[in-house]
Protein backbone atom coordinates (compact mmCIF):
# COMPACT_ATOMS: atom_id res chain seq x y z
CA MET A 1 117.75 133.49 97.36
CA ALA A 2 116.54 131.02 95.19
CA ALA A 3 116.71 131.63 91.57
CA PRO A 4 112.81 131.45 89.66
CA LEU A 5 113.54 128.77 87.81
CA MET A 6 114.41 126.54 90.88
CA GLU A 7 111.22 128.13 92.37
CA GLY A 8 109.26 127.35 89.30
CA ALA A 9 110.04 123.40 89.38
CA ALA A 10 109.35 123.04 93.12
CA VAL A 11 106.43 124.34 92.07
CA THR A 12 105.77 122.09 88.98
CA ALA A 13 107.31 119.12 91.03
CA LEU A 14 104.17 119.79 94.15
CA ARG A 15 101.77 119.58 92.13
CA SER A 16 103.01 116.33 90.12
CA VAL A 17 103.91 114.60 93.89
CA LEU A 18 99.64 115.65 94.96
CA GLN A 19 98.56 113.93 91.56
CA ARG A 20 100.70 111.20 92.96
CA VAL A 21 99.41 110.79 96.00
CA GLN A 22 95.88 111.58 94.95
CA ARG A 23 96.44 108.52 92.84
CA ALA A 24 97.50 106.85 95.10
CA ALA A 25 94.79 107.33 97.80
CA GLU A 26 92.75 106.65 95.43
CA ARG A 27 94.17 102.80 94.83
CA SER A 28 94.01 102.60 98.70
CA GLY A 29 90.33 103.43 99.13
CA ARG A 30 90.72 106.80 100.26
CA ARG A 31 90.25 110.39 99.18
CA ALA A 32 93.48 112.82 98.52
CA GLU A 33 92.52 114.91 101.67
CA GLN A 34 93.15 111.79 104.41
CA VAL A 35 97.24 112.20 103.51
CA ARG A 36 99.13 114.86 105.03
CA VAL A 37 101.82 116.11 102.58
CA VAL A 38 105.15 117.98 104.59
CA ALA A 39 107.08 119.77 102.29
CA VAL A 40 110.55 119.47 104.04
CA GLY A 41 112.31 121.97 103.16
CA LYS A 42 115.81 121.54 104.81
CA THR A 43 118.83 123.25 103.60
CA LYS A 44 116.88 125.05 101.15
CA PRO A 45 116.46 128.64 101.02
CA THR A 46 113.40 130.67 102.89
CA SER A 47 112.98 132.43 99.34
CA LEU A 48 112.35 128.75 98.02
CA ILE A 49 109.93 127.62 100.03
CA ARG A 50 107.74 130.53 100.59
CA HIS A 51 107.41 130.55 96.95
CA VAL A 52 106.13 126.63 97.63
CA TYR A 53 103.89 128.25 100.10
CA ASP A 54 102.84 131.72 97.83
CA ALA A 55 101.42 128.68 95.64
CA GLY A 56 98.85 127.10 98.47
CA HIS A 57 100.40 124.34 100.15
CA ARG A 58 100.82 124.80 103.67
CA CYS A 59 102.93 122.07 105.60
CA PHE A 60 105.64 122.34 106.15
CA GLY A 61 108.61 120.45 107.75
CA GLU A 62 112.28 120.61 108.99
CA ASN A 63 114.74 118.97 111.13
CA TYR A 64 117.36 120.63 112.45
CA VAL A 65 116.53 122.75 114.78
CA GLN A 66 119.19 125.10 114.64
CA GLU A 67 118.05 125.32 110.91
CA PHE A 68 114.47 125.49 112.03
CA ILE A 69 114.63 128.65 114.75
CA GLU A 70 116.86 130.28 112.10
CA LYS A 71 114.24 130.22 109.54
CA ALA A 72 110.67 130.42 110.87
CA PRO A 73 110.69 133.86 111.94
CA GLN A 74 112.73 135.20 108.55
CA LEU A 75 109.96 133.56 106.48
CA GLN A 76 107.12 136.02 108.42
CA LEU A 77 104.61 133.62 107.09
CA PRO A 78 100.67 133.68 108.28
CA ALA A 79 99.36 132.24 111.22
CA ASP A 80 98.20 129.25 108.52
CA ILE A 81 101.39 127.65 107.71
CA GLU A 82 101.70 124.12 109.94
CA TRP A 83 104.66 123.88 111.14
CA HIS A 84 106.52 120.12 111.80
CA PHE A 85 109.51 118.99 113.56
CA ILE A 86 110.97 115.50 111.91
CA GLY A 87 113.31 113.12 113.40
CA ARG A 88 115.14 112.96 116.48
CA LEU A 89 114.94 115.85 119.30
CA GLN A 90 117.48 116.37 121.78
CA SER A 91 116.71 116.91 124.63
CA ASN A 92 119.12 120.37 124.88
CA LYS A 93 117.01 121.73 122.02
CA VAL A 94 113.31 121.53 123.15
CA LYS A 95 112.83 125.32 125.12
CA SER A 96 114.78 127.06 122.20
CA LEU A 97 112.14 125.21 119.22
CA LEU A 98 109.60 125.63 121.08
CA ALA A 99 110.33 129.52 121.56
CA ALA A 100 110.85 130.16 118.62
CA VAL A 101 108.82 128.64 116.42
CA PRO A 102 105.47 130.02 117.77
CA ASN A 103 102.99 127.92 115.35
CA LEU A 104 104.67 124.69 114.87
CA ASP A 105 101.60 122.28 114.97
CA MET A 106 103.61 118.85 115.69
CA VAL A 107 106.78 117.01 116.61
CA GLU A 108 107.58 113.64 114.66
CA GLY A 109 108.74 111.84 116.96
CA VAL A 110 108.55 111.20 120.49
CA ASP A 111 111.33 107.87 121.17
CA SER A 112 111.28 108.30 124.83
CA GLU A 113 109.48 109.71 128.25
CA LYS A 114 111.87 111.54 128.78
CA ILE A 115 111.36 114.36 125.37
CA ALA A 116 108.14 113.91 126.18
CA ASN A 117 108.19 115.04 129.68
CA LEU A 118 110.43 117.96 128.82
CA LEU A 119 107.66 118.95 125.77
CA ASP A 120 105.09 118.85 127.55
CA GLN A 121 106.05 120.66 130.79
CA MET A 122 107.87 123.64 128.48
CA VAL A 123 104.48 124.21 126.78
CA ALA A 124 102.77 124.56 129.70
CA LYS A 125 105.55 126.92 130.72
CA LEU A 126 105.11 129.00 127.34
CA GLU A 127 101.58 128.52 127.76
CA ARG A 128 100.87 127.28 124.04
CA LYS A 129 98.33 125.56 123.24
CA PRO A 130 98.47 121.42 123.54
CA LEU A 131 101.43 120.15 120.90
CA LYS A 132 100.66 117.16 118.80
CA VAL A 133 103.24 114.54 118.82
CA LEU A 134 104.18 111.25 116.97
CA VAL A 135 105.79 108.73 118.37
CA GLN A 136 109.05 107.38 116.81
CA VAL A 137 109.46 103.41 116.22
CA ASN A 138 112.59 102.32 115.00
CA THR A 139 110.77 99.74 112.51
CA SER A 140 114.00 98.88 111.02
CA GLY A 141 116.33 97.32 113.81
CA GLU A 142 118.93 99.92 112.82
CA GLU A 143 121.19 101.19 115.81
CA SER A 144 121.48 104.16 113.63
CA LYS A 145 117.71 105.05 113.88
CA SER A 146 115.96 107.19 116.55
CA GLY A 147 112.62 105.53 118.22
CA VAL A 148 111.39 103.24 120.30
CA ASP A 149 111.76 99.46 119.32
CA PRO A 150 108.08 97.92 118.40
CA LEU A 151 107.68 96.25 121.40
CA GLY A 152 107.88 99.42 124.00
CA CYS A 153 105.40 101.57 121.11
CA VAL A 154 102.55 100.88 123.58
CA GLU A 155 103.71 102.27 126.53
CA LEU A 156 104.98 105.81 125.32
CA ALA A 157 101.94 105.68 123.66
CA LYS A 158 100.10 105.73 126.87
CA HIS A 159 102.89 108.21 128.85
CA VAL A 160 102.09 110.91 126.42
CA LYS A 161 97.97 110.57 126.59
CA LEU A 162 97.79 109.72 129.83
CA SER A 163 100.88 111.77 131.21
CA CYS A 164 101.70 114.54 129.20
CA PRO A 165 98.29 116.77 129.86
CA ASN A 166 100.04 119.42 127.18
CA LEU A 167 100.95 117.10 124.63
CA VAL A 168 98.12 115.10 122.19
CA PHE A 169 98.96 111.32 120.68
CA SER A 170 98.52 111.70 117.34
CA GLY A 171 99.67 108.88 115.66
CA LEU A 172 103.13 106.53 115.11
CA MET A 173 106.09 107.68 112.60
CA THR A 174 109.21 105.66 111.03
CA ILE A 175 111.73 106.12 109.21
CA GLY A 176 112.65 103.18 106.57
CA MET A 177 116.08 101.86 105.37
CA PRO A 178 117.73 104.04 103.36
CA ASP A 179 117.67 101.98 100.54
CA TYR A 180 114.14 101.25 100.25
CA SER A 181 114.33 97.61 100.62
CA SER A 182 112.94 96.71 103.35
CA THR A 183 110.39 99.46 103.48
CA PRO A 184 106.71 97.06 103.12
CA GLU A 185 108.18 95.07 106.40
CA ASN A 186 109.04 98.34 107.87
CA PHE A 187 105.67 99.66 107.46
CA LYS A 188 103.70 96.58 108.16
CA THR A 189 105.65 96.56 111.46
CA LEU A 190 104.52 100.74 112.05
CA LEU A 191 100.54 98.73 110.87
CA ASN A 192 100.92 96.56 113.49
CA CYS A 193 101.94 99.03 116.45
CA ARG A 194 99.03 101.44 115.48
CA THR A 195 96.97 98.26 116.18
CA TYR A 196 98.17 97.20 119.42
CA VAL A 197 98.15 100.92 121.02
CA CYS A 198 95.22 101.58 119.69
CA ASN A 199 93.80 98.37 121.51
CA ALA A 200 95.28 99.68 124.38
CA LEU A 201 94.46 103.09 124.44
CA GLY A 202 90.77 101.84 123.20
CA ILE A 203 90.84 104.64 120.62
CA SER A 204 90.21 104.55 116.62
CA ASP A 205 92.76 104.02 113.90
CA GLU A 206 91.47 107.03 112.75
CA HIS A 207 92.77 108.77 116.09
CA CYS A 208 95.96 107.26 114.91
CA GLU A 209 98.05 108.80 112.25
CA LEU A 210 100.96 107.24 110.75
CA SER A 211 103.67 108.81 109.57
CA MET A 212 105.85 106.68 106.79
CA GLY A 213 107.04 107.12 103.41
CA MET A 214 109.40 110.31 101.71
CA SER A 215 110.22 111.14 98.45
CA GLY A 216 111.61 107.04 97.69
CA ASP A 217 108.31 105.30 98.74
CA PHE A 218 105.88 107.52 99.62
CA GLU A 219 103.25 106.05 97.65
CA GLN A 220 103.85 102.78 98.27
CA ALA A 221 102.86 104.22 102.15
CA ILE A 222 100.28 105.68 101.26
CA GLU A 223 98.64 102.36 99.83
CA MET A 224 99.27 100.87 103.19
CA GLY A 225 97.35 103.17 105.05
CA SER A 226 100.07 106.12 105.64
CA THR A 227 98.38 109.02 106.47
CA ASN A 228 101.18 111.71 106.39
CA VAL A 229 104.03 112.05 104.15
CA ARG A 230 107.27 113.66 104.12
CA ILE A 231 108.57 114.68 100.95
CA GLY A 232 111.27 116.88 100.48
CA SER A 233 113.65 116.34 97.20
CA THR A 234 111.43 115.24 95.31
CA ILE A 235 109.60 118.93 95.67
CA PHE A 236 112.96 121.54 96.45
CA GLY A 237 115.67 118.71 94.62
CA PRO A 238 118.56 117.44 95.97
CA ARG A 239 119.66 118.43 99.12
CA GLU A 240 121.82 121.12 99.87
CA TYR A 241 124.50 120.33 103.13
CA PRO A 242 127.14 122.19 103.80
CA LYS A 243 131.18 121.21 104.36
CA LYS A 244 130.43 120.79 107.72
CA LYS A 245 126.73 118.80 109.51
CA GLN A 246 125.16 120.74 111.31
CA ASN A 247 123.63 119.28 114.63
CA GLN A 248 120.42 119.23 115.48
């Protein structure tokens, strides 16, 4: 169980984040409602997530499949929670994730046709409603990062939209450099990818979300056009990793 002090701090931090999102959105000529805040509870107890839910927030994300499928049933939240899976999804985890989290709203992100096909097939098999997905783009060029090369984003987006009837292509996502030293360049790369994808698919920018920006750079990301920011430690506090890292 999370301590009451920790719970109160998380709610206060959430309100601060939402105010900062609003100001950043206004600076980019948009309304706060046009930017989704995903509260990422990785390594945090379900009681803390529940407290943030009770304060009115509805969109939450997780990074590890095993942790996710253990947490989701424990929370016993109403159907209005919007769950996002964030990061690299291994092929052998697709079935367990979709089966365990019936109100999974979005996968951020798909980085290969193989994963897209597996998700598409499993959504059909489980008779779920179509699943929103974002194509993950490796904008930093780091070998350790998942994501399709920017040059391959159009083909993967086309595959999701045209060959995966049980998936809803919803946009693009990226994870910037860990020290944030090159995020403007990373964000610009994703913006350029959106232009190419929208032209290729014949859709407007409004139908292609940009998920970019985390705790250390979300305001800059919003100012550059992000529609979806993923905030973890700024809301919930520093991550609490076990001695042995979990597998995704």
